[in-house]
Amino acid sequence: MQQPPTETQGAQEAAAALSPTQDAAVRQSFARQGLMRHWDAGIEHLAHGRADLRLPHSERVSQQQGSFHGGAMGALADIAAGYAAMTVAPEGMEVATVEYKINFLAACSGGALLARGRVVRAGRRIIITAANVVHQADDGRETLCAVMQQTIMPVTKGY
């Protein structure tokens, strides 16, 4: 039987929630991502320091053997972790990737990828993030496909 949340858990969940302004800023920015629209990717979850994106398998994101292309995994991880960083950036700012390092762990096809981005440490000038990319098979099984660490810099919104 599931226990009701404690006062501490409730406070943590409330602290993790984004303001309507922050939520709208991330969603508006994501909507401007032509690559994500072209690939039919979407936002699964947003919270303070967190962003999860989903990418369904299609020929647009596959390599010659039918698995998800590593470039698609890298882009999805980059964007998920970037939006996690945007949730902690100063209001009115966007973010830009300075660098990232990714390790590919498994090749998967069918189903969908879920990139779970999170802030590791938020500083004034740089934000360190990480993302795990998991494959979700049609039967619900998850396989870790890639892990990424990234450096992000808050930048002035240019639109």
N, C-alpha and C. Protein backbone atom coordinates (compact mmCIF):
# COMPACT_ATOMS: atom_id res chain seq x y z
N MET A 1 0.84 -1.18 0.00
CA MET A 1 0.00 0.00 0.00
C MET A 1 0.89 1.25 0.00
N GLN A 2 0.56 2.20 -0.83
CA GLN A 2 1.37 3.42 -0.94
C GLN A 2 1.08 4.34 0.24
N GLN A 3 2.15 4.89 0.81
CA GLN A 3 2.04 5.81 1.94
C GLN A 3 1.75 7.21 1.43
N PRO A 4 0.95 8.01 2.17
CA PRO A 4 0.76 9.40 1.77
C PRO A 4 2.06 10.16 1.89
N PRO A 5 2.25 11.22 1.08
CA PRO A 5 3.51 11.98 1.15
C PRO A 5 3.67 12.65 2.52
N THR A 6 4.90 12.69 2.99
CA THR A 6 5.20 13.38 4.24
C THR A 6 5.22 14.88 3.97
N GLU A 7 5.25 15.69 5.03
CA GLU A 7 5.33 17.15 4.86
C GLU A 7 6.59 17.53 4.10
N THR A 8 7.70 16.84 4.39
CA THR A 8 8.97 17.13 3.71
C THR A 8 8.86 16.82 2.23
N GLN A 9 8.27 15.66 1.89
CA GLN A 9 8.11 15.30 0.48
C GLN A 9 7.22 16.30 -0.24
N GLY A 10 6.14 16.73 0.41
CA GLY A 10 5.24 17.72 -0.19
C GLY A 10 5.95 19.03 -0.44
N ALA A 11 6.81 19.46 0.51
CA ALA A 11 7.57 20.70 0.34
C ALA A 11 8.58 20.56 -0.79
N GLN A 12 9.21 19.39 -0.90
CA GLN A 12 10.18 19.17 -1.98
C GLN A 12 9.49 19.21 -3.34
N GLU A 13 8.30 18.59 -3.43
CA GLU A 13 7.57 18.61 -4.70
C GLU A 13 7.14 20.02 -5.06
N ALA A 14 6.69 20.80 -4.08
CA ALA A 14 6.29 22.18 -4.34
C ALA A 14 7.49 23.01 -4.78
N ALA A 15 8.65 22.79 -4.16
CA ALA A 15 9.86 23.52 -4.53
C ALA A 15 10.30 23.16 -5.94
N ALA A 16 10.01 21.92 -6.36
CA ALA A 16 10.42 21.46 -7.68
C ALA A 16 9.50 21.97 -8.79
N ALA A 17 8.30 22.42 -8.45
CA ALA A 17 7.37 22.88 -9.46
C ALA A 17 7.87 24.18 -10.09
N LEU A 18 7.62 24.32 -11.37
CA LEU A 18 7.98 25.55 -12.07
C LEU A 18 6.86 26.57 -11.94
N SER A 19 7.24 27.83 -11.96
CA SER A 19 6.22 28.87 -12.01
C SER A 19 5.57 28.80 -13.39
N PRO A 20 4.35 29.30 -13.52
CA PRO A 20 3.73 29.33 -14.85
C PRO A 20 4.58 30.08 -15.88
N THR A 21 5.29 31.11 -15.45
CA THR A 21 6.15 31.87 -16.36
C THR A 21 7.31 31.03 -16.84
N GLN A 22 7.97 30.31 -15.91
CA GLN A 22 9.08 29.45 -16.31
C GLN A 22 8.61 28.33 -17.23
N ASP A 23 7.51 27.69 -16.87
CA ASP A 23 6.97 26.60 -17.68
C ASP A 23 6.67 27.09 -19.10
N ALA A 24 6.00 28.24 -19.20
CA ALA A 24 5.66 28.79 -20.52
C ALA A 24 6.91 29.15 -21.31
N ALA A 25 7.92 29.70 -20.66
CA ALA A 25 9.16 30.08 -21.37
C ALA A 25 9.83 28.86 -21.97
N VAL A 26 9.92 27.76 -21.21
CA VAL A 26 10.54 26.54 -21.73
C VAL A 26 9.72 25.98 -22.88
N ARG A 27 8.41 25.91 -22.70
CA ARG A 27 7.56 25.33 -23.75
C ARG A 27 7.58 26.19 -25.02
N GLN A 28 7.61 27.52 -24.88
CA GLN A 28 7.68 28.39 -26.06
C GLN A 28 9.01 28.22 -26.77
N SER A 29 10.09 28.10 -26.01
CA SER A 29 11.41 27.88 -26.60
C SER A 29 11.44 26.54 -27.33
N PHE A 30 10.93 25.50 -26.69
CA PHE A 30 10.92 24.17 -27.30
C PHE A 30 10.12 24.18 -28.60
N ALA A 31 9.02 24.90 -28.63
CA ALA A 31 8.19 24.97 -29.83
C ALA A 31 8.94 25.58 -31.01
N ARG A 32 9.99 26.36 -30.73
CA ARG A 32 10.79 26.98 -31.79
C ARG A 32 11.87 26.03 -32.33
N GLN A 33 12.01 24.86 -31.74
CA GLN A 33 13.04 23.89 -32.15
C GLN A 33 12.55 23.13 -33.40
N GLY A 34 12.98 23.58 -34.56
CA GLY A 34 12.59 22.94 -35.80
C GLY A 34 12.98 21.47 -35.86
N LEU A 35 14.16 21.14 -35.35
CA LEU A 35 14.61 19.75 -35.35
C LEU A 35 13.67 18.87 -34.54
N MET A 36 13.27 19.34 -33.37
CA MET A 36 12.38 18.55 -32.53
C MET A 36 11.00 18.39 -33.17
N ARG A 37 10.50 19.45 -33.81
CA ARG A 37 9.22 19.34 -34.53
C ARG A 37 9.34 18.33 -35.67
N HIS A 38 10.43 18.42 -36.43
CA HIS A 38 10.63 17.52 -37.57
C HIS A 38 10.70 16.06 -37.12
N TRP A 39 11.29 15.83 -35.98
CA TRP A 39 11.41 14.47 -35.47
C TRP A 39 10.20 14.03 -34.65
N ASP A 40 9.23 14.92 -34.43
CA ASP A 40 8.02 14.62 -33.65
C ASP A 40 8.33 14.35 -32.17
N ALA A 41 9.34 15.03 -31.64
CA ALA A 41 9.69 14.90 -30.22
C ALA A 41 8.79 15.80 -29.39
N GLY A 42 8.66 15.49 -28.12
CA GLY A 42 7.82 16.30 -27.25
C GLY A 42 8.34 16.33 -25.83
N ILE A 43 7.83 17.29 -25.07
CA ILE A 43 8.17 17.40 -23.66
C ILE A 43 7.29 16.43 -22.88
N GLU A 44 7.93 15.58 -22.09
CA GLU A 44 7.22 14.63 -21.23
C GLU A 44 6.97 15.21 -19.85
N HIS A 45 7.98 15.91 -19.31
CA HIS A 45 7.90 16.40 -17.93
C HIS A 45 8.85 17.58 -17.74
N LEU A 46 8.40 18.58 -17.00
CA LEU A 46 9.25 19.71 -16.62
C LEU A 46 9.11 19.93 -15.11
N ALA A 47 10.21 20.22 -14.47
CA ALA A 47 10.24 20.61 -13.05
C ALA A 47 11.50 21.43 -12.85
N HIS A 48 11.64 22.03 -11.69
CA HIS A 48 12.84 22.82 -11.38
C HIS A 48 14.07 21.92 -11.50
N GLY A 49 14.96 22.24 -12.45
CA GLY A 49 16.18 21.45 -12.64
C GLY A 49 15.98 20.14 -13.37
N ARG A 50 14.82 19.95 -13.99
CA ARG A 50 14.53 18.69 -14.69
C ARG A 50 13.79 18.95 -15.99
N ALA A 51 14.08 18.16 -17.00
CA ALA A 51 13.32 18.19 -18.25
C ALA A 51 13.45 16.82 -18.91
N ASP A 52 12.33 16.21 -19.22
CA ASP A 52 12.29 14.92 -19.88
C ASP A 52 11.65 15.09 -21.25
N LEU A 53 12.31 14.56 -22.29
CA LEU A 53 11.80 14.63 -23.65
C LEU A 53 11.61 13.24 -24.21
N ARG A 54 10.60 13.07 -25.06
CA ARG A 54 10.33 11.79 -25.70
C ARG A 54 10.50 11.92 -27.21
N LEU A 55 11.12 10.89 -27.81
CA LEU A 55 11.33 10.85 -29.26
C LEU A 55 10.89 9.49 -29.78
N PRO A 56 9.80 9.44 -30.56
CA PRO A 56 9.38 8.15 -31.12
C PRO A 56 10.33 7.70 -32.24
N HIS A 57 10.46 6.40 -32.38
CA HIS A 57 11.29 5.85 -33.45
C HIS A 57 10.62 6.10 -34.80
N SER A 58 11.42 6.49 -35.78
CA SER A 58 10.94 6.66 -37.15
C SER A 58 12.16 6.60 -38.06
N GLU A 59 11.91 6.57 -39.36
CA GLU A 59 13.05 6.55 -40.30
C GLU A 59 13.82 7.87 -40.26
N ARG A 60 13.21 8.94 -39.75
CA ARG A 60 13.90 10.23 -39.65
C ARG A 60 15.05 10.21 -38.66
N VAL A 61 14.97 9.32 -37.67
CA VAL A 61 15.98 9.31 -36.60
C VAL A 61 16.75 7.99 -36.54
N SER A 62 16.67 7.20 -37.61
CA SER A 62 17.36 5.90 -37.61
C SER A 62 18.63 5.95 -38.45
N GLN A 63 19.52 5.03 -38.13
CA GLN A 63 20.72 4.87 -38.94
C GLN A 63 20.49 3.72 -39.91
N GLN A 64 21.50 3.36 -40.68
CA GLN A 64 21.35 2.41 -41.78
C GLN A 64 20.90 1.02 -41.34
N GLN A 65 21.11 0.66 -40.07
CA GLN A 65 20.70 -0.66 -39.60
C GLN A 65 19.34 -0.64 -38.90
N GLY A 66 18.71 0.53 -38.85
CA GLY A 66 17.37 0.64 -38.29
C GLY A 66 17.30 1.10 -36.85
N SER A 67 18.44 1.15 -36.17
CA SER A 67 18.45 1.62 -34.77
C SER A 67 18.40 3.14 -34.74
N PHE A 68 18.08 3.69 -33.56
CA PHE A 68 18.17 5.14 -33.38
C PHE A 68 19.58 5.58 -33.71
N HIS A 69 19.73 6.65 -34.44
CA HIS A 69 21.04 7.20 -34.78
C HIS A 69 21.65 7.85 -33.55
N GLY A 70 22.96 7.71 -33.37
CA GLY A 70 23.65 8.34 -32.25
C GLY A 70 23.49 9.85 -32.25
N GLY A 71 23.41 10.46 -33.42
CA GLY A 71 23.19 11.90 -33.50
C GLY A 71 21.84 12.30 -32.94
N ALA A 72 20.83 11.45 -33.16
CA ALA A 72 19.51 11.73 -32.59
C ALA A 72 19.55 11.60 -31.07
N MET A 73 20.26 10.58 -30.58
CA MET A 73 20.40 10.42 -29.12
C MET A 73 21.12 11.62 -28.52
N GLY A 74 22.19 12.06 -29.17
CA GLY A 74 22.96 13.19 -28.67
C GLY A 74 22.15 14.48 -28.68
N ALA A 75 21.42 14.72 -29.76
CA ALA A 75 20.60 15.93 -29.83
C ALA A 75 19.51 15.91 -28.77
N LEU A 76 18.87 14.76 -28.58
CA LEU A 76 17.80 14.67 -27.58
C LEU A 76 18.35 14.89 -26.18
N ALA A 77 19.50 14.30 -25.86
CA ALA A 77 20.13 14.49 -24.54
C ALA A 77 20.53 15.94 -24.34
N ASP A 78 21.13 16.54 -25.37
CA ASP A 78 21.55 17.95 -25.31
C ASP A 78 20.37 18.86 -25.03
N ILE A 79 19.28 18.65 -25.72
CA ILE A 79 18.13 19.53 -25.59
C ILE A 79 17.42 19.30 -24.25
N ALA A 80 17.30 18.05 -23.82
CA ALA A 80 16.66 17.77 -22.52
C ALA A 80 17.46 18.41 -21.38
N ALA A 81 18.76 18.22 -21.39
CA ALA A 81 19.59 18.80 -20.32
C ALA A 81 19.62 20.32 -20.43
N GLY A 82 19.59 20.84 -21.65
CA GLY A 82 19.54 22.28 -21.84
C GLY A 82 18.29 22.89 -21.26
N TYR A 83 17.16 22.25 -21.46
CA TYR A 83 15.92 22.78 -20.89
C TYR A 83 15.87 22.58 -19.38
N ALA A 84 16.51 21.55 -18.87
CA ALA A 84 16.63 21.44 -17.41
C ALA A 84 17.39 22.65 -16.88
N ALA A 85 18.46 23.04 -17.60
CA ALA A 85 19.24 24.22 -17.20
C ALA A 85 18.41 25.49 -17.31
N MET A 86 17.58 25.59 -18.33
CA MET A 86 16.78 26.80 -18.50
C MET A 86 15.81 26.99 -17.33
N THR A 87 15.41 25.90 -16.69
CA THR A 87 14.48 26.03 -15.55
C THR A 87 15.14 26.68 -14.34
N VAL A 88 16.48 26.74 -14.32
CA VAL A 88 17.18 27.37 -13.19
C VAL A 88 17.91 28.64 -13.60
N ALA A 89 17.88 28.96 -14.89
CA ALA A 89 18.53 30.18 -15.40
C ALA A 89 17.70 31.39 -14.96
N PRO A 90 18.34 32.57 -14.90
CA PRO A 90 17.58 33.78 -14.54
C PRO A 90 16.40 33.99 -15.49
N GLU A 91 15.31 34.50 -14.96
CA GLU A 91 14.12 34.73 -15.76
C GLU A 91 14.44 35.61 -16.96
N GLY A 92 13.88 35.26 -18.11
CA GLY A 92 14.10 36.01 -19.33
C GLY A 92 15.32 35.58 -20.11
N MET A 93 16.10 34.65 -19.57
CA MET A 93 17.31 34.16 -20.24
C MET A 93 17.02 32.84 -20.93
N GLU A 94 17.78 32.56 -21.95
CA GLU A 94 17.82 31.26 -22.59
C GLU A 94 19.15 30.63 -22.21
N VAL A 95 19.47 29.50 -22.80
CA VAL A 95 20.74 28.83 -22.51
C VAL A 95 21.37 28.35 -23.80
N ALA A 96 22.69 28.20 -23.78
CA ALA A 96 23.43 27.66 -24.92
C ALA A 96 24.41 26.62 -24.41
N THR A 97 24.56 25.56 -25.17
CA THR A 97 25.51 24.51 -24.83
C THR A 97 26.92 24.99 -25.12
N VAL A 98 27.80 24.84 -24.13
CA VAL A 98 29.22 25.14 -24.30
C VAL A 98 29.94 23.87 -24.77
N GLU A 99 29.61 22.75 -24.15
CA GLU A 99 30.19 21.47 -24.56
C GLU A 99 29.40 20.34 -23.93
N TYR A 100 29.51 19.16 -24.53
CA TYR A 100 28.99 17.96 -23.87
C TYR A 100 29.80 16.75 -24.28
N LYS A 101 29.71 15.74 -23.42
CA LYS A 101 30.37 14.46 -23.67
C LYS A 101 29.32 13.39 -23.49
N ILE A 102 29.23 12.49 -24.45
CA ILE A 102 28.21 11.45 -24.40
C ILE A 102 28.85 10.08 -24.58
N ASN A 103 28.32 9.12 -23.85
CA ASN A 103 28.72 7.72 -24.02
C ASN A 103 27.50 6.94 -24.49
N PHE A 104 27.66 6.22 -25.59
CA PHE A 104 26.59 5.38 -26.12
C PHE A 104 26.76 3.98 -25.55
N LEU A 105 25.67 3.44 -25.02
CA LEU A 105 25.74 2.17 -24.31
C LEU A 105 24.99 1.04 -24.99
N ALA A 106 23.97 1.36 -25.77
CA ALA A 106 23.18 0.31 -26.42
C ALA A 106 22.52 0.88 -27.66
N ALA A 107 22.37 0.02 -28.66
CA ALA A 107 21.63 0.38 -29.88
C ALA A 107 20.23 -0.19 -29.74
N CYS A 108 19.23 0.63 -30.03
CA CYS A 108 17.84 0.20 -29.88
C CYS A 108 17.02 0.71 -31.05
N SER A 109 15.97 -0.03 -31.39
CA SER A 109 15.06 0.41 -32.45
C SER A 109 13.63 0.18 -31.99
N GLY A 110 12.70 0.79 -32.71
CA GLY A 110 11.29 0.71 -32.32
C GLY A 110 11.04 1.52 -31.07
N GLY A 111 9.84 1.50 -30.58
CA GLY A 111 9.51 2.19 -29.34
C GLY A 111 9.84 3.66 -29.39
N ALA A 112 10.44 4.16 -28.31
CA ALA A 112 10.77 5.59 -28.21
C ALA A 112 11.97 5.76 -27.31
N LEU A 113 12.64 6.89 -27.47
CA LEU A 113 13.70 7.29 -26.55
C LEU A 113 13.13 8.31 -25.57
N LEU A 114 13.58 8.24 -24.33
CA LEU A 114 13.24 9.24 -23.33
C LEU A 114 14.55 9.78 -22.79
N ALA A 115 14.78 11.09 -22.97
CA ALA A 115 15.98 11.74 -22.42
C ALA A 115 15.56 12.44 -21.15
N ARG A 116 16.22 12.10 -20.05
CA ARG A 116 15.91 12.68 -18.74
C ARG A 116 17.06 13.61 -18.35
N GLY A 117 16.84 14.91 -18.57
CA GLY A 117 17.85 15.91 -18.27
C GLY A 117 17.70 16.43 -16.85
N ARG A 118 18.84 16.72 -16.21
CA ARG A 118 18.81 17.24 -14.84
C ARG A 118 20.00 18.17 -14.61
N VAL A 119 19.80 19.13 -13.73
CA VAL A 119 20.86 20.04 -13.35
C VAL A 119 21.69 19.38 -12.27
N VAL A 120 23.00 19.36 -12.46
CA VAL A 120 23.93 18.83 -11.46
C VAL A 120 24.35 19.95 -10.52
N ARG A 121 24.69 21.10 -11.11
CA ARG A 121 25.07 22.27 -10.32
C ARG A 121 24.82 23.53 -11.15
N ALA A 122 24.15 24.48 -10.52
CA ALA A 122 23.84 25.74 -11.21
C ALA A 122 24.67 26.85 -10.60
N GLY A 123 25.56 27.42 -11.40
CA GLY A 123 26.34 28.57 -10.98
C GLY A 123 25.82 29.82 -11.66
N ARG A 124 26.46 30.95 -11.38
CA ARG A 124 26.02 32.21 -12.00
C ARG A 124 26.37 32.25 -13.48
N ARG A 125 27.53 31.72 -13.85
CA ARG A 125 27.99 31.82 -15.24
C ARG A 125 27.85 30.54 -16.03
N ILE A 126 27.93 29.39 -15.36
CA ILE A 126 27.76 28.11 -16.05
C ILE A 126 26.85 27.21 -15.23
N ILE A 127 26.20 26.32 -15.94
CA ILE A 127 25.31 25.33 -15.33
C ILE A 127 25.77 23.97 -15.84
N ILE A 128 26.05 23.06 -14.91
CA ILE A 128 26.45 21.70 -15.27
C ILE A 128 25.21 20.82 -15.23
N THR A 129 25.00 20.08 -16.30
CA THR A 129 23.83 19.21 -16.41
C THR A 129 24.27 17.80 -16.79
N ALA A 130 23.33 16.89 -16.71
CA ALA A 130 23.55 15.51 -17.16
C ALA A 130 22.23 15.00 -17.73
N ALA A 131 22.31 13.98 -18.55
CA ALA A 131 21.10 13.36 -19.09
C ALA A 131 21.35 11.88 -19.28
N ASN A 132 20.34 11.10 -19.01
CA ASN A 132 20.31 9.68 -19.36
C ASN A 132 19.32 9.54 -20.50
N VAL A 133 19.67 8.76 -21.50
CA VAL A 133 18.76 8.45 -22.59
C VAL A 133 18.40 6.98 -22.46
N VAL A 134 17.12 6.72 -22.30
CA VAL A 134 16.65 5.34 -22.19
C VAL A 134 15.73 5.02 -23.36
N HIS A 135 15.79 3.78 -23.78
CA HIS A 135 14.87 3.29 -24.80
C HIS A 135 13.69 2.67 -24.07
N GLN A 136 12.49 3.05 -24.47
CA GLN A 136 11.28 2.44 -23.93
C GLN A 136 10.67 1.58 -25.03
N ALA A 137 10.73 0.26 -24.82
CA ALA A 137 10.17 -0.67 -25.79
C ALA A 137 8.65 -0.62 -25.72
N ASP A 138 8.01 -1.16 -26.74
CA ASP A 138 6.55 -1.15 -26.79
C ASP A 138 5.94 -1.90 -25.60
N ASP A 139 6.66 -2.86 -25.03
CA ASP A 139 6.14 -3.60 -23.87
C ASP A 139 6.46 -2.92 -22.54
N GLY A 140 7.08 -1.72 -22.59
CA GLY A 140 7.36 -0.96 -21.38
C GLY A 140 8.75 -1.15 -20.80
N ARG A 141 9.51 -2.12 -21.29
CA ARG A 141 10.88 -2.33 -20.80
C ARG A 141 11.75 -1.14 -21.16
N GLU A 142 12.64 -0.77 -20.23
CA GLU A 142 13.56 0.33 -20.46
C GLU A 142 14.99 -0.17 -20.52
N THR A 143 15.76 0.37 -21.47
CA THR A 143 17.17 0.05 -21.63
C THR A 143 17.94 1.36 -21.68
N LEU A 144 18.96 1.49 -20.83
CA LEU A 144 19.80 2.69 -20.85
C LEU A 144 20.64 2.67 -22.12
N CYS A 145 20.50 3.70 -22.94
CA CYS A 145 21.20 3.78 -24.24
C CYS A 145 22.40 4.70 -24.23
N ALA A 146 22.32 5.79 -23.45
CA ALA A 146 23.40 6.79 -23.48
C ALA A 146 23.37 7.60 -22.19
N VAL A 147 24.55 8.08 -21.81
CA VAL A 147 24.69 9.01 -20.68
C VAL A 147 25.51 10.20 -21.17
N MET A 148 25.12 11.39 -20.71
CA MET A 148 25.77 12.60 -21.18
C MET A 148 26.00 13.55 -20.01
N GLN A 149 27.11 14.30 -20.07
CA GLN A 149 27.36 15.40 -19.15
C GLN A 149 27.62 16.63 -20.00
N GLN A 150 27.17 17.80 -19.51
CA GLN A 150 27.15 18.99 -20.35
C GLN A 150 27.45 20.25 -19.54
N THR A 151 28.03 21.22 -20.22
CA THR A 151 28.21 22.56 -19.66
C THR A 151 27.33 23.52 -20.44
N ILE A 152 26.56 24.32 -19.71
CA ILE A 152 25.59 25.25 -20.30
C ILE A 152 25.92 26.66 -19.83
N MET A 153 25.64 27.63 -20.68
CA MET A 153 25.84 29.04 -20.31
C MET A 153 24.51 29.78 -20.53
N PRO A 154 24.02 30.51 -19.52
CA PRO A 154 22.86 31.36 -19.74
C PRO A 154 23.20 32.46 -20.76
N VAL A 155 22.27 32.73 -21.68
CA VAL A 155 22.47 33.76 -22.70
C VAL A 155 21.20 34.60 -22.81
N THR A 156 21.36 35.79 -23.33
CA THR A 156 20.22 36.68 -23.53
C THR A 156 19.30 36.09 -24.59
N LYS A 157 18.02 36.13 -24.32
CA LYS A 157 17.02 35.65 -25.29
C LYS A 157 17.10 36.54 -26.51
N GLY A 158 17.27 35.95 -27.69
CA GLY A 158 17.49 36.71 -28.90
C GLY A 158 16.30 36.81 -29.83
N TYR A 159 15.10 36.55 -29.34
CA TYR A 159 13.90 36.66 -30.19
C TYR A 159 12.76 37.25 -29.41
